[in-house]
């Protein structure tokens, strides 16, 4: 008997009214169910996502990507979803890559990381300082936490439901890069089969970056805290 395959795409969104509808439409070409978490936007992000066919979870205040994903997972894991993909609402993650991320979950993988830093992956349109922060953050986390994966700070991932239920999401209060590193670290410690699939990450064509200095510092502090538990 074939195992059930009921994937859901979970999309955290903040001030993304110019891009979120196109992202939802692109996702629905391969994943019929899309949940968008409107993370306290003051524009029409939630309305645009809903009109494009997404389920919308609204968060009253902007609390960051980690909090938005936890809020969305509370909705998704209350359903019969078997697999969950994370991707951003600003078009930097290409929804056309979703089938390649989901495919390994049907065989041997528990978690698939969309990786910019393996053969075939890359970034387009990024300024040098964004590249430096991203690569530096991944290198720091890899060395400190003894993780073998080439891209730890990316937000394009696909999970088996049972792994998401097993890791300690409720204990996390991280946002941004920190949430991405922490969840992969927990999965690795549980012995999950983790694979990397190359993706090309493109700079947004609308809106502005949500990355702030505090998010980077939070990620570094989180990595050092996790070192004490390694």
N, C-alpha and C. Protein backbone atom coordinates (compact mmCIF):
# COMPACT_ATOMS: atom_id res chain seq x y z
N UNK A 1 0.85 -1.20 0.00
CA UNK A 1 0.00 0.00 0.00
C UNK A 1 0.88 1.25 0.00
N UNK A 2 0.57 2.20 -0.86
CA UNK A 2 1.33 3.44 -0.91
C UNK A 2 1.03 4.28 0.31
N UNK A 3 2.09 4.95 0.81
CA UNK A 3 1.92 5.84 1.93
C UNK A 3 1.16 7.09 1.47
N UNK A 4 0.33 7.67 2.33
CA UNK A 4 -0.40 8.88 1.93
C UNK A 4 0.55 10.05 1.72
N UNK A 5 0.19 10.92 0.80
CA UNK A 5 1.00 12.09 0.50
C UNK A 5 0.06 13.29 0.44
N UNK A 6 0.02 14.02 1.54
CA UNK A 6 -0.84 15.20 1.63
C UNK A 6 0.02 16.39 2.08
N UNK A 7 0.74 16.98 1.14
CA UNK A 7 1.64 18.09 1.49
C UNK A 7 0.89 19.40 1.69
N UNK A 8 1.47 20.23 2.52
CA UNK A 8 0.99 21.60 2.74
C UNK A 8 2.19 22.53 2.64
N UNK A 9 2.00 23.66 1.99
CA UNK A 9 3.04 24.70 1.96
C UNK A 9 2.70 25.75 3.00
N UNK A 10 3.67 26.05 3.85
CA UNK A 10 3.49 27.02 4.92
C UNK A 10 4.36 28.24 4.62
N UNK A 11 3.72 29.41 4.53
CA UNK A 11 4.39 30.62 4.04
C UNK A 11 4.26 31.74 5.07
N UNK A 12 5.33 32.08 5.79
CA UNK A 12 5.28 33.26 6.65
C UNK A 12 5.36 34.52 5.79
N UNK A 13 4.56 35.53 6.13
CA UNK A 13 4.50 36.71 5.27
C UNK A 13 4.36 37.97 6.13
N UNK A 14 5.15 38.97 5.77
CA UNK A 14 5.06 40.26 6.43
C UNK A 14 5.25 41.36 5.40
N UNK A 15 4.26 42.23 5.26
CA UNK A 15 4.30 43.34 4.32
C UNK A 15 4.64 42.83 2.91
N UNK A 16 3.92 41.81 2.48
CA UNK A 16 4.23 41.16 1.20
C UNK A 16 3.07 41.25 0.21
N UNK A 17 2.28 42.31 0.27
CA UNK A 17 1.11 42.39 -0.59
C UNK A 17 1.47 42.40 -2.07
N UNK A 18 2.67 42.87 -2.43
CA UNK A 18 3.04 42.96 -3.84
C UNK A 18 3.45 41.61 -4.42
N UNK A 19 3.77 40.64 -3.59
CA UNK A 19 4.33 39.38 -4.10
C UNK A 19 3.59 38.14 -3.67
N UNK A 20 2.84 38.20 -2.57
CA UNK A 20 2.32 36.96 -1.97
C UNK A 20 1.34 36.23 -2.88
N UNK A 21 0.52 36.96 -3.63
CA UNK A 21 -0.47 36.29 -4.49
C UNK A 21 0.21 35.45 -5.55
N UNK A 22 1.24 36.00 -6.20
CA UNK A 22 1.96 35.24 -7.23
C UNK A 22 2.64 34.02 -6.62
N UNK A 23 3.16 34.15 -5.40
CA UNK A 23 3.79 33.01 -4.74
C UNK A 23 2.75 31.92 -4.46
N UNK A 24 1.60 32.30 -3.97
CA UNK A 24 0.54 31.31 -3.69
C UNK A 24 0.12 30.60 -4.97
N UNK A 25 -0.10 31.34 -6.04
CA UNK A 25 -0.49 30.73 -7.31
C UNK A 25 0.60 29.77 -7.79
N UNK A 26 1.86 30.17 -7.67
CA UNK A 26 2.95 29.30 -8.07
C UNK A 26 3.00 28.02 -7.26
N UNK A 27 2.79 28.13 -5.96
CA UNK A 27 2.79 26.94 -5.10
C UNK A 27 1.67 25.99 -5.48
N UNK A 28 0.49 26.54 -5.74
CA UNK A 28 -0.67 25.69 -5.98
C UNK A 28 -0.56 24.89 -7.28
N UNK A 29 0.40 25.22 -8.12
CA UNK A 29 0.65 24.41 -9.31
C UNK A 29 1.12 23.01 -8.96
N UNK A 30 1.72 22.84 -7.77
CA UNK A 30 2.19 21.50 -7.37
C UNK A 30 1.70 21.08 -5.99
N UNK A 31 1.35 22.04 -5.13
CA UNK A 31 0.86 21.73 -3.79
C UNK A 31 -0.48 22.44 -3.61
N UNK A 32 -1.57 21.71 -3.59
CA UNK A 32 -2.88 22.37 -3.59
C UNK A 32 -3.19 23.19 -2.35
N UNK A 33 -2.64 22.80 -1.21
CA UNK A 33 -3.00 23.49 0.03
C UNK A 33 -1.86 24.40 0.47
N UNK A 34 -2.21 25.67 0.67
CA UNK A 34 -1.22 26.68 1.07
C UNK A 34 -1.77 27.40 2.30
N UNK A 35 -0.95 27.49 3.33
CA UNK A 35 -1.29 28.26 4.53
C UNK A 35 -0.31 29.44 4.62
N UNK A 36 -0.84 30.64 4.59
CA UNK A 36 -0.04 31.85 4.72
C UNK A 36 -0.27 32.43 6.11
N UNK A 37 0.81 32.70 6.81
CA UNK A 37 0.72 33.35 8.12
C UNK A 37 1.02 34.82 7.93
N UNK A 38 0.00 35.65 8.09
CA UNK A 38 0.18 37.10 7.99
C UNK A 38 0.67 37.60 9.34
N UNK A 39 1.96 37.90 9.38
CA UNK A 39 2.65 38.18 10.64
C UNK A 39 2.54 39.65 11.02
N UNK A 40 1.31 40.08 11.29
CA UNK A 40 1.10 41.44 11.74
C UNK A 40 1.28 42.50 10.68
N UNK A 41 1.07 42.16 9.42
CA UNK A 41 1.23 43.15 8.34
C UNK A 41 0.24 44.28 8.48
N UNK A 42 0.65 45.47 8.06
CA UNK A 42 -0.25 46.61 8.04
C UNK A 42 -0.74 46.92 6.63
N UNK A 43 -0.31 46.11 5.66
CA UNK A 43 -0.78 46.28 4.29
C UNK A 43 -1.81 45.20 3.99
N UNK A 44 -2.00 44.84 2.73
CA UNK A 44 -3.04 43.89 2.33
C UNK A 44 -2.50 42.48 2.12
N UNK A 45 -1.43 42.12 2.81
CA UNK A 45 -0.84 40.81 2.62
C UNK A 45 -1.85 39.69 2.82
N UNK A 46 -2.58 39.70 3.92
CA UNK A 46 -3.55 38.64 4.20
C UNK A 46 -4.65 38.57 3.17
N UNK A 47 -5.17 39.72 2.79
CA UNK A 47 -6.25 39.76 1.80
C UNK A 47 -5.79 39.23 0.45
N UNK A 48 -4.60 39.64 0.02
CA UNK A 48 -4.06 39.17 -1.26
C UNK A 48 -3.83 37.66 -1.24
N UNK A 49 -3.32 37.15 -0.14
CA UNK A 49 -3.09 35.71 -0.03
C UNK A 49 -4.41 34.94 -0.08
N UNK A 50 -5.41 35.44 0.61
CA UNK A 50 -6.71 34.78 0.60
C UNK A 50 -7.36 34.79 -0.77
N UNK A 51 -7.24 35.91 -1.48
CA UNK A 51 -7.83 35.97 -2.81
C UNK A 51 -7.13 35.01 -3.78
N UNK A 52 -5.87 34.73 -3.53
CA UNK A 52 -5.12 33.83 -4.40
C UNK A 52 -5.38 32.35 -4.08
N UNK A 53 -6.13 32.09 -3.00
CA UNK A 53 -6.50 30.72 -2.69
C UNK A 53 -5.83 30.10 -1.49
N UNK A 54 -5.14 30.92 -0.68
CA UNK A 54 -4.48 30.39 0.51
C UNK A 54 -5.41 30.47 1.72
N UNK A 55 -5.18 29.58 2.67
CA UNK A 55 -5.75 29.75 4.01
C UNK A 55 -4.86 30.76 4.72
N UNK A 56 -5.46 31.66 5.45
CA UNK A 56 -4.69 32.72 6.09
C UNK A 56 -4.82 32.63 7.60
N UNK A 57 -3.67 32.57 8.26
CA UNK A 57 -3.60 32.67 9.71
C UNK A 57 -3.08 34.06 10.03
N UNK A 58 -3.82 34.80 10.82
CA UNK A 58 -3.42 36.18 11.11
C UNK A 58 -2.83 36.28 12.51
N UNK A 59 -1.65 36.89 12.60
CA UNK A 59 -0.99 37.15 13.87
C UNK A 59 -1.11 38.64 14.14
N UNK A 60 -1.52 39.00 15.35
CA UNK A 60 -1.85 40.40 15.64
C UNK A 60 -0.65 41.32 15.50
N UNK A 61 0.51 40.89 15.97
CA UNK A 61 1.70 41.74 15.94
C UNK A 61 2.83 41.01 15.22
N UNK A 62 3.68 41.80 14.58
CA UNK A 62 4.83 41.23 13.90
C UNK A 62 5.85 40.72 14.93
N UNK A 63 6.00 39.39 14.98
CA UNK A 63 6.89 38.77 15.96
C UNK A 63 8.05 38.03 15.31
N UNK A 64 8.14 38.06 13.99
CA UNK A 64 9.26 37.42 13.31
C UNK A 64 8.89 36.09 12.69
N UNK A 65 9.79 35.63 11.81
CA UNK A 65 9.51 34.44 11.02
C UNK A 65 9.34 33.19 11.88
N UNK A 66 10.17 33.04 12.90
CA UNK A 66 10.06 31.86 13.74
C UNK A 66 8.69 31.77 14.39
N UNK A 67 8.23 32.86 14.97
CA UNK A 67 6.92 32.87 15.61
C UNK A 67 5.81 32.63 14.58
N UNK A 68 5.95 33.21 13.39
CA UNK A 68 4.95 33.00 12.34
C UNK A 68 4.88 31.52 11.94
N UNK A 69 6.03 30.88 11.78
CA UNK A 69 6.03 29.46 11.42
C UNK A 69 5.43 28.61 12.53
N UNK A 70 5.71 28.92 13.78
CA UNK A 70 5.11 28.16 14.87
C UNK A 70 3.60 28.33 14.88
N UNK A 71 3.11 29.54 14.62
CA UNK A 71 1.67 29.76 14.55
C UNK A 71 1.05 28.98 13.40
N UNK A 72 1.72 28.98 12.24
CA UNK A 72 1.21 28.23 11.11
C UNK A 72 1.23 26.73 11.34
N UNK A 73 2.27 26.24 12.01
CA UNK A 73 2.35 24.80 12.27
C UNK A 73 1.26 24.35 13.22
N UNK A 74 0.85 25.20 14.14
CA UNK A 74 -0.26 24.85 15.02
C UNK A 74 -1.52 24.56 14.19
N UNK A 75 -1.72 25.33 13.13
CA UNK A 75 -2.87 25.09 12.24
C UNK A 75 -2.65 23.83 11.40
N UNK A 76 -1.47 23.72 10.78
CA UNK A 76 -1.22 22.63 9.85
C UNK A 76 -1.23 21.27 10.55
N UNK A 77 -0.60 21.19 11.72
CA UNK A 77 -0.48 19.90 12.40
C UNK A 77 -1.77 19.48 13.08
N UNK A 78 -2.77 20.34 13.06
CA UNK A 78 -4.10 19.95 13.54
C UNK A 78 -4.92 19.29 12.43
N UNK A 79 -4.33 19.16 11.24
CA UNK A 79 -5.01 18.56 10.09
C UNK A 79 -4.33 17.22 9.76
N UNK A 80 -4.72 16.64 8.63
CA UNK A 80 -4.15 15.35 8.23
C UNK A 80 -2.95 15.50 7.30
N UNK A 81 -2.31 16.67 7.30
CA UNK A 81 -1.13 16.88 6.45
C UNK A 81 -0.05 15.86 6.79
N UNK A 82 0.61 15.33 5.76
CA UNK A 82 1.68 14.36 5.97
C UNK A 82 3.06 14.96 5.77
N UNK A 83 3.16 16.05 5.01
CA UNK A 83 4.44 16.70 4.73
C UNK A 83 4.21 18.21 4.72
N UNK A 84 5.22 18.96 5.16
CA UNK A 84 5.09 20.42 5.24
C UNK A 84 6.32 21.06 4.63
N UNK A 85 6.09 21.97 3.69
CA UNK A 85 7.18 22.74 3.07
C UNK A 85 7.12 24.17 3.57
N UNK A 86 8.27 24.74 3.90
CA UNK A 86 8.38 26.15 4.27
C UNK A 86 8.98 26.91 3.10
N UNK A 87 8.39 28.04 2.75
CA UNK A 87 9.03 28.96 1.82
C UNK A 87 8.53 30.36 2.05
N UNK A 88 9.27 31.34 1.57
CA UNK A 88 8.97 32.73 1.86
C UNK A 88 7.95 33.31 0.89
N UNK A 89 7.41 34.47 1.28
CA UNK A 89 6.31 35.08 0.53
C UNK A 89 6.77 36.14 -0.45
N UNK A 90 8.07 36.41 -0.52
CA UNK A 90 8.54 37.54 -1.31
C UNK A 90 9.08 37.16 -2.67
N UNK A 91 8.95 35.87 -3.05
CA UNK A 91 9.37 35.44 -4.37
C UNK A 91 10.82 35.03 -4.48
N UNK A 92 11.55 35.09 -3.38
CA UNK A 92 12.97 34.71 -3.44
C UNK A 92 13.15 33.20 -3.53
N UNK A 93 12.19 32.47 -3.00
CA UNK A 93 12.15 31.01 -3.17
C UNK A 93 11.21 30.71 -4.33
N UNK A 94 11.68 29.95 -5.29
CA UNK A 94 10.90 29.65 -6.49
C UNK A 94 9.94 28.50 -6.21
N UNK A 95 8.62 28.72 -6.25
CA UNK A 95 7.69 27.62 -5.99
C UNK A 95 7.85 26.45 -6.96
N UNK A 96 8.42 26.70 -8.13
CA UNK A 96 8.64 25.61 -9.09
C UNK A 96 9.63 24.58 -8.57
N UNK A 97 10.40 24.93 -7.53
CA UNK A 97 11.35 23.99 -6.94
C UNK A 97 10.70 23.04 -5.95
N UNK A 98 9.45 23.29 -5.58
CA UNK A 98 8.81 22.47 -4.55
C UNK A 98 8.81 20.97 -4.86
N UNK A 99 8.47 20.54 -6.08
CA UNK A 99 8.50 19.09 -6.33
C UNK A 99 9.85 18.45 -6.08
N UNK A 100 10.93 19.17 -6.37
CA UNK A 100 12.27 18.60 -6.12
C UNK A 100 12.58 18.50 -4.63
N UNK A 101 12.04 19.41 -3.83
CA UNK A 101 12.25 19.32 -2.40
C UNK A 101 11.38 18.23 -1.76
N UNK A 102 10.19 18.06 -2.28
CA UNK A 102 9.28 17.08 -1.69
C UNK A 102 9.61 15.65 -2.10
N UNK A 103 10.20 15.46 -3.28
CA UNK A 103 10.43 14.10 -3.80
C UNK A 103 11.25 13.22 -2.86
N UNK A 104 12.37 13.70 -2.27
CA UNK A 104 13.13 12.81 -1.39
C UNK A 104 12.36 12.36 -0.15
N UNK A 105 11.34 13.12 0.25
CA UNK A 105 10.55 12.73 1.41
C UNK A 105 9.71 11.49 1.14
N UNK A 106 9.52 11.19 -0.12
CA UNK A 106 8.72 10.01 -0.48
C UNK A 106 9.55 8.74 -0.42
N UNK A 107 10.86 8.88 -0.25
CA UNK A 107 11.72 7.69 -0.20
C UNK A 107 12.49 7.67 1.12
N UNK A 108 13.69 8.28 1.13
CA UNK A 108 14.55 8.08 2.29
C UNK A 108 14.65 9.25 3.24
N UNK A 109 14.26 10.45 2.83
CA UNK A 109 14.56 11.65 3.63
C UNK A 109 13.45 11.97 4.62
N UNK A 110 13.87 12.58 5.75
CA UNK A 110 12.94 13.12 6.74
C UNK A 110 12.83 14.64 6.63
N UNK A 111 13.92 15.26 6.21
CA UNK A 111 13.99 16.71 6.06
C UNK A 111 14.83 17.02 4.83
N UNK A 112 14.35 17.94 4.00
CA UNK A 112 15.10 18.36 2.81
C UNK A 112 15.35 19.86 2.93
N UNK A 113 16.61 20.24 2.80
CA UNK A 113 17.00 21.64 2.84
C UNK A 113 17.21 22.16 1.42
N UNK A 114 16.53 23.23 1.06
CA UNK A 114 16.85 23.91 -0.18
C UNK A 114 18.16 24.66 0.01
N UNK A 115 19.19 24.26 -0.70
CA UNK A 115 20.54 24.76 -0.41
C UNK A 115 21.08 25.64 -1.53
N UNK A 116 21.55 26.81 -1.13
CA UNK A 116 22.20 27.73 -2.06
C UNK A 116 23.67 27.38 -2.26
N UNK A 117 24.21 26.55 -1.37
CA UNK A 117 25.65 26.39 -1.31
C UNK A 117 26.12 24.97 -1.60
N UNK A 118 25.33 24.23 -2.38
CA UNK A 118 25.79 22.96 -2.93
C UNK A 118 25.85 23.13 -4.45
N UNK A 119 26.47 22.16 -5.13
CA UNK A 119 26.59 22.24 -6.58
C UNK A 119 25.21 22.39 -7.22
N UNK A 120 25.09 23.38 -8.10
CA UNK A 120 23.82 23.66 -8.76
C UNK A 120 23.00 24.73 -8.08
N UNK A 121 23.37 25.10 -6.84
CA UNK A 121 22.66 26.15 -6.13
C UNK A 121 23.37 27.49 -6.27
N UNK A 122 22.75 28.54 -5.78
CA UNK A 122 23.39 29.85 -5.86
C UNK A 122 22.45 30.96 -5.44
N UNK A 123 22.94 32.18 -5.54
CA UNK A 123 22.15 33.38 -5.28
C UNK A 123 22.28 34.31 -6.47
N UNK A 124 21.22 35.05 -6.75
CA UNK A 124 21.21 36.00 -7.86
C UNK A 124 20.75 37.35 -7.33
N UNK A 125 21.54 38.38 -7.60
CA UNK A 125 21.13 39.73 -7.26
C UNK A 125 21.40 40.16 -5.83
N UNK A 126 22.15 39.36 -5.09
CA UNK A 126 22.44 39.71 -3.71
C UNK A 126 23.64 40.65 -3.64
N UNK A 127 23.60 41.67 -2.79
CA UNK A 127 24.79 42.48 -2.54
C UNK A 127 25.80 41.68 -1.73
N UNK A 128 27.06 42.11 -1.75
CA UNK A 128 28.13 41.34 -1.12
C UNK A 128 27.90 41.14 0.37
N UNK A 129 27.31 42.15 1.05
CA UNK A 129 27.15 42.01 2.50
C UNK A 129 26.11 40.97 2.87
N UNK A 130 25.08 40.79 2.03
CA UNK A 130 24.10 39.72 2.28
C UNK A 130 24.76 38.36 2.12
N UNK A 131 25.58 38.22 1.09
CA UNK A 131 26.29 36.95 0.89
C UNK A 131 27.20 36.65 2.07
N UNK A 132 27.90 37.70 2.54
CA UNK A 132 28.83 37.52 3.64
C UNK A 132 28.10 37.08 4.91
N UNK A 133 26.98 37.71 5.22
CA UNK A 133 26.22 37.36 6.42
C UNK A 133 25.68 35.94 6.32
N UNK A 134 25.13 35.60 5.16
CA UNK A 134 24.53 34.28 4.99
C UNK A 134 25.58 33.17 5.07
N UNK A 135 26.65 33.32 4.29
CA UNK A 135 27.70 32.28 4.31
C UNK A 135 28.41 32.25 5.67
N UNK A 136 28.64 33.42 6.23
CA UNK A 136 29.32 33.47 7.52
C UNK A 136 28.48 32.81 8.61
N UNK A 137 27.16 33.06 8.59
CA UNK A 137 26.29 32.45 9.58
C UNK A 137 26.26 30.94 9.47
N UNK A 138 26.19 30.44 8.25
CA UNK A 138 26.20 28.99 8.06
C UNK A 138 27.53 28.39 8.48
N UNK A 139 28.63 29.02 8.08
CA UNK A 139 29.95 28.49 8.45
C UNK A 139 30.13 28.46 9.96
N UNK A 140 29.72 29.52 10.64
CA UNK A 140 29.82 29.58 12.10
C UNK A 140 29.01 28.45 12.74
N UNK A 141 27.77 28.29 12.31
CA UNK A 141 26.92 27.24 12.89
C UNK A 141 27.47 25.85 12.60
N UNK A 142 27.96 25.64 11.38
CA UNK A 142 28.51 24.32 11.04
C UNK A 142 29.69 23.96 11.93
N UNK A 143 30.58 24.92 12.13
CA UNK A 143 31.79 24.65 12.91
C UNK A 143 31.48 24.48 14.39
N UNK A 144 30.63 25.34 14.92
CA UNK A 144 30.35 25.30 16.35
C UNK A 144 29.50 24.08 16.72
N UNK A 145 28.50 23.76 15.90
CA UNK A 145 27.56 22.69 16.22
C UNK A 145 27.92 21.36 15.55
N UNK A 146 29.03 21.32 14.79
CA UNK A 146 29.47 20.10 14.12
C UNK A 146 28.36 19.55 13.22
N UNK A 147 27.81 20.43 12.40
CA UNK A 147 26.77 20.02 11.45
C UNK A 147 27.37 19.95 10.05
N UNK A 148 27.01 18.94 9.27
CA UNK A 148 27.66 18.75 7.96
C UNK A 148 26.98 19.48 6.81
N UNK A 149 25.89 20.16 7.06
CA UNK A 149 25.06 20.70 5.97
C UNK A 149 25.61 22.04 5.49
N UNK A 150 25.49 22.28 4.19
CA UNK A 150 26.13 23.45 3.58
C UNK A 150 25.32 24.73 3.71
N UNK A 151 24.01 24.61 3.95
CA UNK A 151 23.16 25.80 4.04
C UNK A 151 22.24 25.64 5.24
N UNK A 152 22.57 26.34 6.33
CA UNK A 152 21.80 26.22 7.56
C UNK A 152 20.87 27.40 7.82
N UNK A 153 21.02 28.48 7.07
CA UNK A 153 20.24 29.68 7.36
C UNK A 153 19.09 29.89 6.38
N UNK A 154 18.94 29.02 5.41
CA UNK A 154 17.88 29.18 4.43
C UNK A 154 16.51 28.80 4.97
N UNK A 155 15.48 29.39 4.40
CA UNK A 155 14.12 29.14 4.86
C UNK A 155 13.29 28.26 3.95
N UNK A 156 13.91 27.64 2.94
CA UNK A 156 13.18 26.79 2.00
C UNK A 156 13.46 25.34 2.40
N UNK A 157 12.49 24.70 3.04
CA UNK A 157 12.67 23.37 3.60
C UNK A 157 11.41 22.54 3.38
N UNK A 158 11.57 21.23 3.41
CA UNK A 158 10.42 20.33 3.36
C UNK A 158 10.61 19.23 4.40
N UNK A 159 9.56 18.97 5.16
CA UNK A 159 9.62 18.09 6.33
C UNK A 159 8.60 16.96 6.23
N UNK A 160 8.94 15.82 6.80
CA UNK A 160 7.93 14.84 7.15
C UNK A 160 7.20 15.33 8.40
N UNK A 161 5.91 15.10 8.44
CA UNK A 161 5.12 15.55 9.59
C UNK A 161 5.64 14.97 10.90
N UNK A 162 5.97 13.67 10.91
CA UNK A 162 6.35 13.05 12.17
C UNK A 162 7.63 13.66 12.74
N UNK A 163 8.53 14.13 11.90
CA UNK A 163 9.73 14.78 12.40
C UNK A 163 9.39 16.13 13.03
N UNK A 164 8.53 16.90 12.38
CA UNK A 164 8.11 18.18 12.94
C UNK A 164 7.45 17.99 14.30
N UNK A 165 6.68 16.94 14.45
CA UNK A 165 6.01 16.68 15.72
C UNK A 165 7.00 16.23 16.79
N UNK A 166 8.13 15.67 16.37
CA UNK A 166 9.08 15.12 17.33
C UNK A 166 10.06 16.16 17.87
N UNK A 167 10.40 17.18 17.06
CA UNK A 167 11.39 18.15 17.54
C UNK A 167 10.71 19.15 18.48
N UNK A 168 11.53 19.89 19.21
CA UNK A 168 11.03 20.67 20.34
C UNK A 168 10.64 22.09 19.92
N UNK A 169 9.65 22.20 19.04
CA UNK A 169 9.27 23.51 18.51
C UNK A 169 8.75 24.43 19.60
N UNK A 170 8.05 23.88 20.57
CA UNK A 170 7.47 24.74 21.60
C UNK A 170 8.52 25.42 22.46
N UNK A 171 9.72 24.85 22.51
CA UNK A 171 10.77 25.43 23.33
C UNK A 171 11.53 26.54 22.60
N UNK A 172 11.27 26.70 21.33
CA UNK A 172 12.00 27.69 20.55
C UNK A 172 11.31 29.05 20.62
N UNK A 173 12.08 30.08 20.84
CA UNK A 173 11.53 31.43 20.71
C UNK A 173 12.35 32.23 19.70
N UNK A 174 13.10 31.52 18.87
CA UNK A 174 13.97 32.17 17.89
C UNK A 174 13.18 32.65 16.69
N UNK A 175 13.75 33.62 15.99
CA UNK A 175 13.18 34.13 14.76
C UNK A 175 14.26 34.06 13.68
N UNK A 176 13.84 34.25 12.42
CA UNK A 176 14.80 34.38 11.35
C UNK A 176 15.80 33.25 11.25
N UNK A 177 17.07 33.62 11.05
CA UNK A 177 18.14 32.65 10.89
C UNK A 177 18.19 31.66 12.05
N UNK A 178 17.98 32.17 13.27
CA UNK A 178 18.07 31.31 14.44
C UNK A 178 17.09 30.16 14.41
N UNK A 179 15.88 30.42 13.99
CA UNK A 179 14.88 29.36 13.91
C UNK A 179 15.31 28.30 12.90
N UNK A 180 15.87 28.73 11.77
CA UNK A 180 16.28 27.77 10.74
C UNK A 180 17.42 26.88 11.25
N UNK A 181 18.40 27.47 11.89
CA UNK A 181 19.52 26.69 12.42
C UNK A 181 19.03 25.74 13.51
N UNK A 182 18.22 26.25 14.41
CA UNK A 182 17.78 25.46 15.56
C UNK A 182 16.96 24.24 15.15
N UNK A 183 16.03 24.41 14.23
CA UNK A 183 15.20 23.28 13.85
C UNK A 183 16.01 22.20 13.14
N UNK A 184 16.96 22.61 12.30
CA UNK A 184 17.82 21.62 11.64
C UNK A 184 18.70 20.91 12.68
N UNK A 185 19.21 21.65 13.65
CA UNK A 185 20.03 21.05 14.71
C UNK A 185 19.25 20.01 15.48
N UNK A 186 17.99 20.34 15.85
CA UNK A 186 17.17 19.37 16.58
C UNK A 186 16.93 18.12 15.73
N UNK A 187 16.62 18.32 14.46
CA UNK A 187 16.39 17.17 13.58
C UNK A 187 17.64 16.30 13.47
N UNK A 188 18.81 16.94 13.34
CA UNK A 188 20.08 16.20 13.25
C UNK A 188 20.32 15.39 14.51
N UNK A 189 20.06 15.99 15.67
CA UNK A 189 20.29 15.29 16.93
C UNK A 189 19.37 14.07 17.10
N UNK A 190 18.23 14.13 16.45
CA UNK A 190 17.31 12.98 16.52
C UNK A 190 17.69 11.89 15.52
N UNK A 191 18.74 12.11 14.74
CA UNK A 191 19.15 11.12 13.77
C UNK A 191 18.33 11.12 12.49
N UNK A 192 17.67 12.23 12.20
CA UNK A 192 16.85 12.33 10.99
C UNK A 192 17.72 12.24 9.74
N UNK A 193 17.14 11.68 8.69
CA UNK A 193 17.81 11.65 7.39
C UNK A 193 17.57 13.00 6.72
N UNK A 194 18.64 13.79 6.60
CA UNK A 194 18.55 15.15 6.09
C UNK A 194 19.30 15.23 4.77
N UNK A 195 18.64 15.74 3.75
CA UNK A 195 19.23 15.87 2.42
C UNK A 195 19.21 17.34 1.99
N UNK A 196 20.15 17.70 1.14
CA UNK A 196 20.17 19.05 0.57
C UNK A 196 19.92 18.98 -0.94
N UNK A 197 19.06 19.85 -1.41
CA UNK A 197 18.71 19.95 -2.82
C UNK A 197 19.09 21.36 -3.30
N UNK A 198 19.79 21.49 -4.41
CA UNK A 198 20.21 22.82 -4.84
C UNK A 198 19.03 23.70 -5.25
N UNK A 199 19.08 24.95 -4.82
CA UNK A 199 18.11 25.95 -5.25
C UNK A 199 18.87 27.22 -5.63
N UNK A 200 18.26 28.03 -6.47
CA UNK A 200 18.79 29.36 -6.78
C UNK A 200 17.90 30.38 -6.09
N UNK A 201 18.52 31.19 -5.26
CA UNK A 201 17.82 32.18 -4.45
C UNK A 201 17.96 33.53 -5.13
N UNK A 202 16.84 34.16 -5.45
CA UNK A 202 16.87 35.42 -6.20
C UNK A 202 16.43 36.58 -5.33
N UNK A 203 17.07 37.70 -5.49
CA UNK A 203 16.70 38.88 -4.75
C UNK A 203 15.28 39.28 -5.09
N UNK A 204 14.57 39.80 -4.11
CA UNK A 204 13.17 40.19 -4.31
C UNK A 204 13.06 41.30 -5.33
N UNK A 205 11.95 41.32 -6.04
CA UNK A 205 11.67 42.39 -7.00
C UNK A 205 10.70 43.42 -6.44
N UNK A 206 10.11 43.11 -5.27
CA UNK A 206 9.19 44.04 -4.61
C UNK A 206 9.39 43.93 -3.11
N UNK A 207 9.09 45.02 -2.40
CA UNK A 207 9.25 45.00 -0.96
C UNK A 207 10.69 45.20 -0.54
N UNK A 208 10.93 45.06 0.76
CA UNK A 208 12.27 45.28 1.30
C UNK A 208 12.64 44.14 2.23
N UNK A 209 13.94 44.00 2.48
CA UNK A 209 14.43 42.94 3.33
C UNK A 209 13.90 43.09 4.75
N UNK A 210 13.55 41.95 5.36
CA UNK A 210 13.08 41.97 6.75
C UNK A 210 14.22 41.66 7.71
N UNK A 211 15.42 41.44 7.19
CA UNK A 211 16.55 41.10 8.04
C UNK A 211 17.06 42.35 8.76
N UNK A 212 17.26 42.23 10.05
CA UNK A 212 17.79 43.31 10.85
C UNK A 212 18.98 42.80 11.65
N UNK A 213 19.79 43.72 12.14
CA UNK A 213 20.97 43.31 12.89
C UNK A 213 20.64 42.45 14.09
N UNK A 214 19.52 42.72 14.75
CA UNK A 214 19.13 41.93 15.91
C UNK A 214 18.89 40.48 15.59
N UNK A 215 18.38 40.20 14.40
CA UNK A 215 18.13 38.83 13.99
C UNK A 215 19.44 38.07 13.84
N UNK A 216 20.45 38.74 13.29
CA UNK A 216 21.76 38.09 13.14
C UNK A 216 22.38 37.81 14.50
N UNK A 217 22.33 38.79 15.40
CA UNK A 217 22.90 38.59 16.73
C UNK A 217 22.16 37.49 17.47
N UNK A 218 20.84 37.44 17.33
CA UNK A 218 20.07 36.37 17.96
C UNK A 218 20.53 35.01 17.49
N UNK A 219 20.78 34.88 16.19
CA UNK A 219 21.21 33.59 15.64
C UNK A 219 22.55 33.17 16.22
N UNK A 220 23.50 34.09 16.32
CA UNK A 220 24.80 33.75 16.88
C UNK A 220 24.67 33.33 18.34
N UNK A 221 23.85 34.06 19.11
CA UNK A 221 23.66 33.71 20.52
C UNK A 221 23.00 32.34 20.66
N UNK A 222 22.04 32.05 19.79
CA UNK A 222 21.36 30.75 19.85
C UNK A 222 22.33 29.61 19.57
N UNK A 223 23.19 29.79 18.57
CA UNK A 223 24.16 28.74 18.25
C UNK A 223 25.05 28.45 19.46
N UNK A 224 25.49 29.50 20.14
CA UNK A 224 26.33 29.30 21.32
C UNK A 224 25.57 28.62 22.45
N UNK A 225 24.29 28.93 22.61
CA UNK A 225 23.49 28.24 23.63
C UNK A 225 23.35 26.76 23.31
N UNK A 226 23.11 26.46 22.03
CA UNK A 226 22.96 25.07 21.65
C UNK A 226 24.27 24.30 21.80
N UNK A 227 25.39 24.99 21.67
CA UNK A 227 26.68 24.33 21.87
C UNK A 227 26.77 23.72 23.25
N UNK A 228 26.20 24.38 24.25
CA UNK A 228 26.27 23.88 25.62
C UNK A 228 25.49 22.59 25.80
N UNK A 229 24.53 22.34 24.85
CA UNK A 229 23.70 21.13 24.95
C UNK A 229 24.14 20.04 23.98
N UNK A 230 25.20 20.29 23.23
CA UNK A 230 25.65 19.33 22.23
C UNK A 230 26.38 18.15 22.89
